[in-house]
Amino acid sequence: MTTSDSSARSPRLGGHLLVDQLRLHGADHVFCVPGESYLAVLDGLVDSGMQVTVCRQEGGAAMMADAYGKLTGRPGICMVTRGPGASNAMAGVHIASQDSTPMILLVGQVERGMLEREAFQEMDYKAVFGTQAKWVAQIDQVERIPEMMARAFHVAASGRPGPVVLALPEDMLTDSTDAPDARPMTPLGIHPSPEQLQAMRQMLDKARQPVFILGGGAWDEEAVLSLERIAGRHAAAVCVEFRRQMLFSTRHDCFIGDLGLGANPDLLDYLRQADLIVLLGGRLPEVPSQSYTLLGIPQAGTPLIHVHPDSAELNRVYQADLAINSTPRDFVRALAQDPPAPRQAGPALQAMRQSYLRWSDPSGIRVPGALQMGRIMAHLADTLPAHAILCNGAGNYATWVHRFHPFQRYGTQLAPTSGSMGYGLPAAVAAKRLQPDTPVLCFAGDGCFMMHGQEFATAVQYGLPIVVIVIDNGMYGTIRMHQERQYPGRESATALRNPDFAALAQAYGGWGETVLDSEEFPAALERAQASGLPALIHCLLDPQAISPSTTLDAIRTRAEQARRSDSL
């Protein structure tokens, strides 16, 4: 007798049936904040064998589910209650949408007989999440749980991955049914045609200065390693989009940098001189395109091959000379079977590689104050193993991570391309839950940490010895930087009065220490790692040290000089 036959003869509560579908489709972990609207699901989790991480705020739970999706390639599962719970989770849904991360958000809903009356915490989920999720639906009939859960997994993981939102009316979850299970979902491959591969090889063979730009989702470790071999064989330059460093080893001779905020000017010049650009997996949106100035729109101005898993994205902004509808992993596997002809690295690529090495070397960077972030980054590069996972949210502090940390492996970076603050700590909790033997570090600014700092309590609850490095300059630094550029000397709404973060970590039950001088950091990191507890290192940074290359005073002076010049 098959599992499906057996389950069809044994009526199950809707909440239990839903949990069975999660297990069937390969989910092994749930991130949640509990709510009375889905008690039947929580009851189903009791005997499921699935891991459950109870979070302190729904935004943190959704960000953890996003991190799970990034690390595994499978949909991360987040459960929240209706109304306020769903609203709090929106930040994580937006991250998953812009980052192309597979995720399923399961949201409690009012009873079906109360809909359309603005009942307690009632929300129209299709209207609220419709612009951010790949699919939003409500399961109104218990018999349809297997059907709609199967579709949710398929939609979230296939094509361009992304979030799915399913609303669960409370009374539907307590109905019983003998409906059979669905079959386990297998993501669909999207493969390039032989003709497309042949056309691409011909274009690559003719190009003298080709550049691969990597981004998006639907990658895996095998595809990354395979592309590294292909790039090395063909001596093709490779760079990555914003916060996608883990898609190609920074140690590889073909790697020339990342297209993030404040990108290496030499990299931008190199791309403008390229005679072929292969945009693989990504969209080249605002940040990596340098505010849509890197290529022409709609005609790129440079021969362009665009490989993307969503056919609607192809030719949407940039008209490609060759548009290929394929996932990065399927495309790279196909290309590896008959790669481009081998060639030697030319002087232009060699020079660009040397420029990248100089650009990413923190040893010569000096900023105001005793805390020198360059020395901290150099120490981490020297001491962290290649498989360590680094997590961060958003803020100027993240520049130090993206520019100077030598990412070498797939699955070692968790950072939101959407620029969402507060992401790093929830992501670190999820990473350590999934990979307890892997070193996990979270970088956070003082403003960023306070967005979801309460998830440090989650790390303590589950005994997760992550290390959180809080870079504290007493302000929302990125916004202050922009203020000085546009309204010099007129600070508004950016100053922060912060707690003693080290004492806060100790109050939560973790380990905490404050560092005033970068010379103190190596010993502090060693003590944090040896503590066996969730640990926080509170690093006090001079407010003038706004970036690796300038200060607040310098920004203000330039802005004032420009204003005086304009007024003459």
Protein backbone atom coordinates (compact mmCIF):
# COMPACT_ATOMS: atom_id res chain seq x y z
CA MET A 1 0.00 0.00 0.00
CA THR A 2 1.44 3.41 -0.94
CA THR A 3 1.66 6.35 1.38
CA SER A 4 -0.95 8.11 -0.72
CA ASP A 5 -3.37 5.16 -0.44
CA SER A 6 -2.85 4.94 3.30
CA SER A 7 -3.28 8.66 3.91
CA ALA A 8 -6.46 8.73 1.83
CA ARG A 9 -8.08 6.28 4.25
CA SER A 10 -7.11 8.17 7.40
CA PRO A 11 -8.85 11.54 7.79
CA ARG A 12 -6.50 14.29 8.89
CA LEU A 13 -7.01 17.76 10.26
CA GLY A 14 -6.17 20.44 7.75
CA GLY A 15 -3.31 21.67 9.91
CA HIS A 16 -1.82 18.19 10.10
CA LEU A 17 -2.32 17.58 6.39
CA LEU A 18 -0.47 20.81 5.63
CA VAL A 19 2.51 19.74 7.75
CA ASP A 20 2.53 16.37 5.96
CA GLN A 21 2.77 18.24 2.65
CA LEU A 22 5.72 20.25 3.90
CA ARG A 23 7.58 17.07 4.76
CA LEU A 24 6.56 15.45 1.48
CA HIS A 25 8.13 18.27 -0.53
CA GLY A 26 11.40 18.15 1.38
CA ALA A 27 10.94 20.89 3.98
CA ASP A 28 12.77 20.05 7.19
CA HIS A 29 12.65 23.38 9.03
CA VAL A 30 10.06 26.01 9.92
CA PHE A 31 10.77 29.55 11.11
CA CYS A 32 7.82 31.09 12.90
CA VAL A 33 6.22 33.37 15.40
CA PRO A 34 3.20 31.45 16.79
CA GLY A 35 -0.36 32.70 16.50
CA GLU A 36 -3.81 31.46 17.47
CA SER A 37 -4.86 31.63 13.83
CA TYR A 38 -2.86 28.53 12.93
CA LEU A 39 -2.86 26.44 16.11
CA ALA A 40 -3.79 23.32 14.14
CA VAL A 41 -0.58 23.64 12.11
CA LEU A 42 1.49 24.11 15.25
CA ASP A 43 -0.11 20.95 16.63
CA GLY A 44 0.80 19.11 13.43
CA LEU A 45 4.44 20.09 13.88
CA VAL A 46 4.65 18.35 17.27
CA ASP A 47 5.08 14.84 15.86
CA SER A 48 6.46 15.82 12.45
CA GLY A 49 10.16 15.51 13.15
CA MET A 50 10.69 18.94 11.58
CA GLN A 51 12.92 21.50 13.25
CA VAL A 52 11.07 24.59 14.43
CA THR A 53 12.81 27.88 15.16
CA VAL A 54 10.61 30.19 17.23
CA CYS A 55 11.56 33.78 16.48
CA ARG A 56 10.98 37.06 18.31
CA GLN A 57 9.51 39.04 15.42
CA GLU A 58 7.93 37.99 12.13
CA GLY A 59 10.37 40.03 10.06
CA GLY A 60 13.21 38.03 11.57
CA ALA A 61 11.38 34.77 10.87
CA ALA A 62 10.88 35.70 7.21
CA MET A 63 14.52 36.72 6.87
CA MET A 64 15.58 33.38 8.36
CA ALA A 65 13.41 31.58 5.82
CA ASP A 66 15.05 33.63 3.08
CA ALA A 67 18.51 32.66 4.37
CA TYR A 68 17.44 29.00 4.36
CA GLY A 69 16.37 29.35 0.73
CA LYS A 70 19.66 30.96 -0.23
CA LEU A 71 21.74 28.25 1.45
CA THR A 72 19.76 25.20 0.31
CA GLY A 73 18.06 26.18 -2.93
CA ARG A 74 14.81 24.85 -1.44
CA PRO A 75 11.92 27.03 -0.30
CA GLY A 76 12.40 28.39 3.19
CA ILE A 77 9.21 28.01 5.25
CA CYS A 78 7.94 30.87 7.38
CA MET A 79 4.74 30.79 9.45
CA VAL A 80 3.16 33.91 10.91
CA THR A 81 -0.20 34.94 12.22
CA ARG A 82 -2.64 37.25 10.51
CA GLY A 83 -2.68 41.04 10.29
CA PRO A 84 0.26 42.49 12.25
CA GLY A 85 2.22 39.26 11.91
CA ALA A 86 1.85 39.25 8.15
CA SER A 87 2.72 42.96 8.00
CA ASN A 88 5.92 42.40 9.94
CA ALA A 89 6.90 39.59 7.54
CA MET A 90 6.65 41.83 4.47
CA ALA A 91 10.30 42.91 4.70
CA GLY A 92 11.42 39.29 4.32
CA VAL A 93 9.07 38.74 1.39
CA HIS A 94 10.49 41.80 -0.37
CA ILE A 95 14.03 40.51 0.18
CA ALA A 96 13.13 37.10 -1.26
CA SER A 97 11.50 38.78 -4.25
CA GLN A 98 14.42 41.04 -5.17
CA ASP A 99 17.02 38.40 -4.29
CA SER A 100 15.31 35.59 -6.26
CA THR A 101 15.09 33.35 -3.19
CA PRO A 102 12.60 30.46 -2.92
CA MET A 103 10.36 30.99 0.10
CA ILE A 104 6.85 30.10 1.24
CA LEU A 105 5.06 32.33 3.73
CA LEU A 106 2.11 30.64 5.44
CA VAL A 107 -0.19 33.18 7.06
CA GLY A 108 -3.13 32.68 9.37
CA GLN A 109 -6.47 34.10 8.27
CA VAL A 110 -9.82 34.79 9.95
CA GLU A 111 -12.55 32.19 9.72
CA ARG A 112 -14.18 31.95 6.32
CA GLY A 113 -17.58 33.07 7.59
CA MET A 114 -16.06 36.33 8.84
CA LEU A 115 -14.31 37.38 5.63
CA GLU A 116 -15.02 40.81 4.13
CA ARG A 117 -16.23 42.21 7.49
CA GLU A 118 -12.87 43.62 8.62
CA ALA A 119 -12.76 41.02 11.35
CA PHE A 120 -10.04 41.01 14.01
CA GLN A 121 -6.67 41.29 12.20
CA GLU A 122 -8.29 40.52 8.84
CA MET A 123 -6.19 41.34 5.79
CA ASP A 124 -6.58 40.96 2.03
CA TYR A 125 -3.38 39.05 1.36
CA LYS A 126 -3.70 39.11 -2.41
CA ALA A 127 -3.87 42.90 -2.35
CA VAL A 128 -1.07 43.30 0.21
CA PHE A 129 1.44 40.80 -1.15
CA GLY A 130 0.38 40.66 -4.79
CA THR A 131 3.14 42.90 -6.10
CA GLN A 132 5.91 41.16 -4.14
CA ALA A 133 5.17 37.43 -4.36
CA LYS A 134 5.17 35.12 -7.35
CA TRP A 135 1.81 33.74 -6.27
CA VAL A 136 -0.63 34.67 -3.50
CA ALA A 137 -3.65 32.51 -2.70
CA GLN A 138 -5.99 31.42 0.07
CA ILE A 139 -6.79 27.77 0.77
CA ASP A 140 -10.52 27.80 1.42
CA GLN A 141 -11.14 24.03 1.17
CA VAL A 142 -9.23 21.53 3.26
CA GLU A 143 -9.28 19.03 0.38
CA ARG A 144 -7.20 21.43 -1.72
CA ILE A 145 -4.26 21.62 0.70
CA PRO A 146 -2.19 18.98 -1.18
CA GLU A 147 -2.90 20.61 -4.54
CA MET A 148 -2.08 24.15 -3.47
CA MET A 149 0.95 23.25 -1.39
CA ALA A 150 2.40 21.33 -4.35
CA ARG A 151 1.84 24.37 -6.52
CA ALA A 152 3.41 26.66 -3.93
CA PHE A 153 6.63 24.62 -3.86
CA HIS A 154 6.69 24.44 -7.66
CA VAL A 155 6.18 28.18 -8.13
CA ALA A 156 8.66 29.18 -5.41
CA ALA A 157 11.50 26.99 -6.69
CA SER A 158 11.01 26.91 -10.46
CA GLY A 159 12.12 29.45 -13.05
CA ARG A 160 13.28 32.59 -11.29
CA PRO A 161 12.89 31.57 -7.63
CA GLY A 162 10.86 33.77 -5.33
CA PRO A 163 8.33 33.99 -2.53
CA VAL A 164 4.84 32.49 -2.41
CA VAL A 165 2.21 33.52 0.14
CA LEU A 166 -0.64 31.22 1.21
CA ALA A 167 -3.40 32.35 3.58
CA LEU A 168 -4.89 29.72 5.88
CA PRO A 169 -8.39 30.40 7.27
CA GLU A 170 -8.47 29.26 10.89
CA ASP A 171 -11.57 27.09 10.56
CA MET A 172 -10.29 25.42 7.38
CA LEU A 173 -7.29 24.14 9.32
CA THR A 174 -9.55 22.33 11.80
CA ASP A 175 -11.64 20.64 9.09
CA SER A 176 -10.86 16.98 8.42
CA THR A 177 -10.35 15.27 5.06
CA ASP A 178 -9.24 11.97 3.62
CA ALA A 179 -7.65 13.72 0.61
CA PRO A 180 -4.50 11.96 -0.59
CA ASP A 181 -1.07 13.52 -0.59
CA ALA A 182 0.40 15.08 -3.71
CA ARG A 183 3.56 13.74 -5.32
CA PRO A 184 6.85 15.31 -4.19
CA MET A 185 7.73 18.40 -6.19
CA THR A 186 10.80 18.43 -8.40
CA PRO A 187 11.93 21.84 -9.72
CA LEU A 188 11.78 22.13 -13.47
CA GLY A 189 15.02 22.60 -15.36
CA ILE A 190 15.17 25.31 -17.99
CA HIS A 191 17.82 24.38 -20.51
CA PRO A 192 19.42 26.32 -23.37
CA SER A 193 19.02 24.92 -26.86
CA PRO A 194 21.99 23.50 -28.80
CA GLU A 195 21.63 26.34 -31.27
CA GLN A 196 21.86 28.95 -28.51
CA LEU A 197 24.94 27.30 -27.03
CA GLN A 198 26.60 27.18 -30.44
CA ALA A 199 25.83 30.85 -31.06
CA MET A 200 27.27 31.77 -27.67
CA ARG A 201 30.48 29.81 -28.25
CA GLN A 202 30.97 31.61 -31.55
CA MET A 203 30.49 35.00 -29.90
CA LEU A 204 32.90 34.09 -27.10
CA ASP A 205 35.53 32.83 -29.54
CA LYS A 206 35.40 36.11 -31.49
CA ALA A 207 35.52 38.36 -28.45
CA ARG A 208 38.91 39.70 -27.35
CA GLN A 209 37.72 41.13 -24.01
CA PRO A 210 34.63 39.23 -22.85
CA VAL A 211 33.23 39.69 -19.34
CA PHE A 212 30.81 37.48 -17.42
CA ILE A 213 28.57 39.31 -14.94
CA LEU A 214 27.04 36.85 -12.47
CA GLY A 215 23.93 37.40 -10.39
CA GLY A 216 20.43 36.26 -9.52
CA GLY A 217 19.28 32.99 -8.00
CA ALA A 218 18.96 29.36 -9.13
CA TRP A 219 22.67 28.62 -8.69
CA ASP A 220 24.30 25.75 -6.84
CA GLU A 221 27.82 24.78 -5.81
CA GLU A 222 28.35 22.53 -8.82
CA ALA A 223 27.46 25.32 -11.24
CA VAL A 224 29.81 27.77 -9.50
CA LEU A 225 32.75 25.37 -9.59
CA SER A 226 32.03 24.44 -13.21
CA LEU A 227 31.91 28.07 -14.30
CA GLU A 228 35.21 28.73 -12.55
CA ARG A 229 36.78 25.97 -14.68
CA ILE A 230 35.19 27.33 -17.86
CA ALA A 231 36.33 30.88 -17.16
CA GLY A 232 39.86 29.71 -16.41
CA ARG A 233 40.03 27.64 -19.60
CA HIS A 234 38.76 30.50 -21.72
CA ALA A 235 40.55 33.29 -19.78
CA ALA A 236 37.27 35.18 -19.50
CA ALA A 237 36.98 37.96 -16.95
CA VAL A 238 34.29 37.48 -14.30
CA CYS A 239 32.65 39.97 -11.97
CA VAL A 240 29.55 39.69 -9.81
CA GLU A 241 26.51 41.82 -9.15
CA PHE A 242 25.86 43.54 -5.83
CA ARG A 243 26.20 41.11 -2.89
CA ARG A 244 26.76 38.07 -5.08
CA GLN A 245 30.44 37.46 -4.25
CA MET A 246 29.80 33.81 -3.38
CA LEU A 247 29.05 33.03 -7.04
CA PHE A 248 32.75 33.04 -7.99
CA SER A 249 35.92 32.67 -5.95
CA THR A 250 37.69 35.96 -5.34
CA ARG A 251 40.95 33.94 -5.40
CA HIS A 252 40.42 32.93 -9.04
CA ASP A 253 42.74 34.60 -11.57
CA CYS A 254 39.74 35.60 -13.71
CA PHE A 255 37.83 37.38 -10.94
CA ILE A 256 37.95 41.18 -11.34
CA GLY A 257 35.53 42.51 -8.73
CA ASP A 258 31.95 43.23 -7.74
CA LEU A 259 29.50 45.75 -9.13
CA GLY A 260 28.32 47.14 -5.85
CA LEU A 261 28.01 50.56 -4.29
CA GLY A 262 31.27 52.45 -4.78
CA ALA A 263 32.65 49.98 -7.31
CA ASN A 264 36.28 50.01 -8.40
CA PRO A 265 36.56 52.70 -11.12
CA ASP A 266 38.96 50.48 -13.07
CA LEU A 267 36.31 47.75 -13.16
CA LEU A 268 33.76 50.15 -14.62
CA ASP A 269 36.26 51.25 -17.28
CA TYR A 270 37.06 47.63 -18.10
CA LEU A 271 33.39 46.83 -18.59
CA ARG A 272 32.90 49.84 -20.85
CA GLN A 273 35.77 48.60 -23.00
CA ALA A 274 34.47 45.00 -23.16
CA ASP A 275 33.52 43.66 -26.59
CA LEU A 276 31.11 41.07 -25.15
CA ILE A 277 29.15 40.96 -21.91
CA VAL A 278 27.53 37.75 -20.70
CA LEU A 279 24.91 38.63 -18.09
CA LEU A 280 24.37 35.28 -16.42
CA GLY A 281 21.50 34.84 -13.98
CA GLY A 282 21.07 38.47 -12.98
CA ARG A 283 19.09 41.47 -14.13
CA LEU A 284 21.77 44.20 -13.87
CA PRO A 285 19.40 46.42 -11.87
CA GLU A 286 20.07 49.83 -10.33
CA VAL A 287 23.04 49.17 -8.04
CA PRO A 288 25.22 46.93 -10.24
CA SER A 289 24.40 48.98 -13.35
CA GLN A 290 25.55 52.13 -11.52
CA SER A 291 22.07 53.69 -11.76
CA TYR A 292 21.49 52.22 -15.22
CA THR A 293 24.52 53.95 -16.76
CA LEU A 294 26.78 50.97 -17.38
CA LEU A 295 24.93 49.80 -20.51
CA GLY A 296 22.68 51.60 -22.92
CA ILE A 297 18.90 51.12 -22.71
CA PRO A 298 17.31 49.50 -24.61
CA GLN A 299 20.31 48.87 -26.88
CA ALA A 300 23.24 47.95 -24.66
CA GLY A 301 25.89 49.44 -26.93
CA THR A 302 28.03 46.37 -26.30
CA PRO A 303 27.29 42.88 -27.65
CA LEU A 304 25.18 41.30 -24.92
CA ILE A 305 24.27 37.72 -24.08
CA HIS A 306 21.62 37.56 -21.36
CA VAL A 307 20.86 34.26 -19.64
CA HIS A 308 17.92 34.38 -17.22
CA PRO A 309 15.36 31.87 -15.89
CA ASP A 310 12.42 34.25 -16.37
CA SER A 311 11.52 34.82 -20.00
CA ALA A 312 9.70 38.02 -19.04
CA GLU A 313 12.98 39.51 -17.82
CA LEU A 314 14.79 38.92 -21.11
CA ASN A 315 14.70 42.05 -23.31
CA ARG A 316 12.67 43.87 -20.64
CA VAL A 317 15.34 46.50 -19.95
CA TYR A 318 18.31 45.51 -22.09
CA GLN A 319 17.87 44.19 -25.62
CA ALA A 320 20.21 41.23 -25.86
CA ASP A 321 22.01 40.13 -29.00
CA LEU A 322 21.41 36.62 -27.72
CA ALA A 323 18.70 36.01 -25.10
CA ILE A 324 18.67 32.59 -23.47
CA ASN A 325 15.87 31.46 -21.17
CA SER A 326 17.64 29.15 -18.72
CA THR A 327 18.54 28.84 -15.08
CA PRO A 328 22.21 29.54 -14.34
CA ARG A 329 22.79 25.99 -13.10
CA ASP A 330 21.22 24.39 -16.19
CA PHE A 331 23.04 26.76 -18.51
CA VAL A 332 26.47 26.20 -16.95
CA ARG A 333 26.03 22.44 -16.98
CA ALA A 334 25.15 22.54 -20.66
CA LEU A 335 28.05 24.85 -21.47
CA ALA A 336 30.48 22.63 -19.55
CA GLN A 337 29.76 19.72 -21.87
CA ASP A 338 31.33 21.63 -24.77
CA PRO A 339 33.08 24.72 -23.41
CA PRO A 340 34.55 27.57 -25.47
CA ALA A 341 37.97 27.11 -27.04
CA PRO A 342 40.89 27.60 -24.62
CA ARG A 343 42.94 30.78 -24.66
CA GLN A 344 45.57 32.59 -22.63
CA ALA A 345 44.81 35.55 -20.43
CA GLY A 346 45.66 38.78 -22.23
CA PRO A 347 47.43 41.80 -20.74
CA ALA A 348 44.15 43.68 -20.22
CA LEU A 349 42.70 40.93 -18.00
CA GLN A 350 45.98 40.54 -16.14
CA ALA A 351 46.10 44.28 -15.45
CA MET A 352 42.48 44.32 -14.31
CA ARG A 353 43.15 41.40 -11.98
CA GLN A 354 46.03 43.31 -10.42
CA SER A 355 43.79 46.34 -10.02
CA TYR A 356 41.24 44.19 -8.20
CA LEU A 357 43.91 42.79 -5.87
CA ARG A 358 45.02 46.32 -4.97
CA TRP A 359 41.42 47.48 -4.55
CA SER A 360 40.55 44.59 -2.22
CA ASP A 361 43.67 44.85 -0.07
CA PRO A 362 42.71 46.48 3.26
CA SER A 363 46.25 46.76 4.59
CA GLY A 364 46.81 50.29 3.31
CA ILE A 365 43.42 51.70 4.33
CA ARG A 366 43.52 54.25 7.13
CA VAL A 367 40.46 55.96 8.63
CA PRO A 368 40.07 58.40 11.55
CA GLY A 369 40.11 56.90 15.03
CA ALA A 370 41.73 54.01 16.86
CA LEU A 371 39.47 51.37 15.34
CA GLN A 372 40.87 50.54 11.91
CA MET A 373 38.37 48.43 9.99
CA GLY A 374 41.05 47.55 7.43
CA ARG A 375 43.04 45.72 10.09
CA ILE A 376 39.93 43.92 11.31
CA MET A 377 39.09 42.74 7.79
CA ALA A 378 42.68 41.63 7.21
CA HIS A 379 42.61 39.61 10.43
CA LEU A 380 39.34 37.93 9.47
CA ALA A 381 40.70 37.09 6.01
CA ASP A 382 43.77 35.50 7.60
CA THR A 383 41.96 33.50 10.28
CA LEU A 384 38.50 32.51 9.05
CA PRO A 385 38.22 29.21 7.15
CA ALA A 386 37.03 29.37 3.55
CA HIS A 387 33.69 27.76 4.46
CA ALA A 388 32.80 30.37 7.10
CA ILE A 389 29.48 32.12 6.44
CA LEU A 390 29.36 35.92 6.62
CA CYS A 391 26.02 37.68 7.02
CA ASN A 392 25.13 41.34 6.93
CA GLY A 393 22.24 43.73 6.52
CA ALA A 394 22.57 47.22 5.05
CA GLY A 395 24.66 50.26 5.85
CA ASN A 396 28.04 51.79 5.05
CA TYR A 397 29.72 49.26 7.35
CA ALA A 398 28.85 46.52 4.83
CA THR A 399 31.27 48.07 2.32
CA TRP A 400 34.11 46.67 4.38
CA VAL A 401 32.73 43.14 4.02
CA HIS A 402 31.88 43.29 0.32
CA ARG A 403 35.07 44.99 -0.78
CA PHE A 404 37.65 43.31 1.43
CA HIS A 405 36.51 39.83 2.46
CA PRO A 406 37.86 37.09 0.14
CA PHE A 407 34.73 35.00 -0.46
CA GLN A 408 35.80 31.70 -2.00
CA ARG A 409 32.88 29.29 -1.90
CA TYR A 410 29.23 29.10 -2.78
CA GLY A 411 26.95 29.34 0.25
CA THR A 412 29.24 31.54 2.35
CA GLN A 413 27.47 34.88 1.91
CA LEU A 414 24.07 35.96 3.18
CA ALA A 415 23.32 39.57 2.28
CA PRO A 416 20.19 41.21 0.86
CA THR A 417 20.50 42.76 -2.59
CA SER A 418 17.35 44.69 -1.64
CA GLY A 419 19.39 46.67 0.88
CA SER A 420 17.18 45.69 3.81
CA MET A 421 18.49 46.67 7.23
CA GLY A 422 18.37 44.14 10.05
CA TYR A 423 18.96 41.09 7.84
CA GLY A 424 22.35 39.94 9.12
CA LEU A 425 21.42 38.63 12.58
CA PRO A 426 18.36 36.58 11.52
CA ALA A 427 20.37 35.20 8.61
CA ALA A 428 23.18 34.19 10.96
CA VAL A 429 20.72 32.41 13.26
CA ALA A 430 19.29 30.46 10.31
CA ALA A 431 22.73 29.59 8.97
CA LYS A 432 23.91 28.26 12.33
CA ARG A 433 20.69 26.25 12.75
CA LEU A 434 21.33 24.63 9.39
CA GLN A 435 25.10 24.24 9.68
CA PRO A 436 25.98 24.02 13.39
CA ASP A 437 29.61 23.07 12.70
CA THR A 438 30.26 26.02 10.36
CA PRO A 439 31.63 29.32 11.70
CA VAL A 440 28.99 32.02 11.21
CA LEU A 441 29.69 35.74 11.59
CA CYS A 442 27.19 38.56 11.41
CA PHE A 443 28.23 42.12 10.61
CA ALA A 444 25.80 44.83 11.65
CA GLY A 445 25.84 48.56 12.06
CA ASP A 446 24.39 50.04 15.22
CA GLY A 447 21.20 51.06 13.42
CA CYS A 448 21.07 47.79 11.52
CA PHE A 449 21.45 45.65 14.65
CA MET A 450 18.58 47.39 16.41
CA MET A 451 16.20 46.47 13.58
CA HIS A 452 16.23 42.77 14.54
CA GLY A 453 18.63 42.61 17.48
CA GLN A 454 16.03 40.71 19.50
CA GLU A 455 16.84 37.62 17.46
CA PHE A 456 20.02 37.39 19.53
CA ALA A 457 17.67 35.90 22.12
CA THR A 458 16.73 33.26 19.53
CA ALA A 459 20.41 32.38 19.14
CA VAL A 460 20.68 32.04 22.93
CA GLN A 461 17.54 29.92 23.15
CA TYR A 462 18.89 27.39 20.67
CA GLY A 463 22.51 27.54 21.81
CA LEU A 464 23.87 28.90 18.54
CA PRO A 465 27.43 30.24 18.99
CA ILE A 466 27.36 32.86 16.25
CA VAL A 467 29.63 35.90 16.44
CA VAL A 468 28.00 39.30 15.88
CA ILE A 469 30.30 42.23 15.10
CA VAL A 470 28.46 45.49 15.71
CA ILE A 471 30.10 48.51 14.05
CA ASP A 472 28.84 51.46 16.09
CA ASN A 473 29.31 55.03 14.84
CA GLY A 474 26.26 56.46 16.61
CA MET A 475 24.23 57.24 13.53
CA TYR A 476 22.39 56.00 10.48
CA GLY A 477 25.65 56.43 8.60
CA THR A 478 24.51 55.92 5.01
CA ILE A 479 21.74 58.49 5.33
CA ARG A 480 24.06 60.94 7.09
CA MET A 481 26.56 60.54 4.26
CA HIS A 482 23.88 61.40 1.69
CA GLN A 483 22.75 64.33 3.82
CA GLU A 484 26.25 65.81 3.80
CA ARG A 485 26.41 65.43 0.04
CA GLN A 486 23.08 67.10 -0.64
CA TYR A 487 22.49 69.32 2.42
CA PRO A 488 25.97 69.89 3.89
CA GLY A 489 26.08 70.76 7.57
CA ARG A 490 22.35 70.17 8.09
CA GLU A 491 22.14 66.87 9.98
CA SER A 492 18.56 65.72 10.56
CA ALA A 493 17.07 62.50 12.00
CA THR A 494 20.23 60.42 11.73
CA ALA A 495 21.85 60.59 15.20
CA LEU A 496 21.44 57.55 17.46
CA ARG A 497 21.85 57.10 21.19
CA ASN A 498 22.74 53.45 21.54
CA PRO A 499 22.73 50.95 24.39
CA ASP A 500 25.81 49.20 25.66
CA PHE A 501 25.65 46.41 23.09
CA ALA A 502 28.10 44.17 24.96
CA ALA A 503 26.01 44.43 28.13
CA LEU A 504 22.88 43.80 26.08
CA ALA A 505 24.35 40.57 24.72
CA GLN A 506 25.19 39.48 28.25
CA ALA A 507 21.67 40.32 29.42
CA TYR A 508 20.30 38.04 26.73
CA GLY A 509 22.52 35.24 28.07
CA GLY A 510 25.33 35.50 25.55
CA TRP A 511 28.90 36.75 25.59
CA GLY A 512 29.73 40.42 24.99
CA GLU A 513 32.81 42.62 24.79
CA THR A 514 33.54 46.17 23.65
CA VAL A 515 36.50 46.99 21.42
CA LEU A 516 37.83 50.55 21.17
CA ASP A 517 41.05 49.85 19.25
CA SER A 518 41.50 47.46 16.35
CA GLU A 519 44.60 46.08 18.10
CA GLU A 520 42.20 44.62 20.67
CA PHE A 521 40.06 42.85 18.10
CA PRO A 522 42.01 39.59 17.49
CA ALA A 523 42.00 38.66 21.17
CA ALA A 524 38.36 39.67 21.52
CA LEU A 525 37.40 37.49 18.56
CA GLU A 526 39.31 34.57 20.05
CA ARG A 527 37.50 34.97 23.35
CA ALA A 528 34.15 35.24 21.60
CA GLN A 529 34.74 32.04 19.66
CA ALA A 530 36.00 30.23 22.76
CA SER A 531 32.98 31.22 24.83
CA GLY A 532 30.74 28.65 23.16
CA LEU A 533 27.91 31.18 23.42
CA PRO A 534 26.24 33.52 21.01
CA ALA A 535 28.74 36.35 21.14
CA LEU A 536 28.76 40.05 20.33
CA ILE A 537 31.79 42.26 19.77
CA HIS A 538 30.86 45.92 20.09
CA CYS A 539 33.27 47.92 17.92
CA LEU A 540 33.21 51.70 18.41
CA LEU A 541 34.04 53.44 15.14
CA ASP A 542 34.90 57.11 14.76
CA PRO A 543 31.87 58.83 13.15
CA GLN A 544 34.22 60.46 10.63
CA ALA A 545 35.18 57.03 9.26
CA ILE A 546 32.11 56.92 7.04
CA SER A 547 33.71 54.76 4.30
CA PRO A 548 37.08 53.28 3.36
CA SER A 549 37.84 56.23 1.08
CA THR A 550 36.49 59.42 2.69
CA THR A 551 35.22 61.16 5.82
CA LEU A 552 32.09 63.09 6.68
CA ASP A 553 34.07 66.34 6.84
CA ALA A 554 35.55 65.73 3.41
CA ILE A 555 32.12 65.02 1.94
CA ARG A 556 30.72 68.19 3.51
CA THR A 557 33.64 70.30 2.27
CA ARG A 558 33.25 69.07 -1.30
CA ALA A 559 29.51 69.71 -1.23
CA GLU A 560 29.97 73.24 0.13
CA GLN A 561 32.63 74.02 -2.47
CA ALA A 562 30.35 72.75 -5.23
CA ARG A 563 27.52 74.96 -3.98
CA ARG A 564 29.74 78.02 -3.88
CA SER A 565 30.97 77.26 -7.37
CA ASP A 566 27.41 76.88 -8.66
CA SER A 567 26.39 80.20 -7.12
CA LEU A 568 29.14 82.17 -8.89
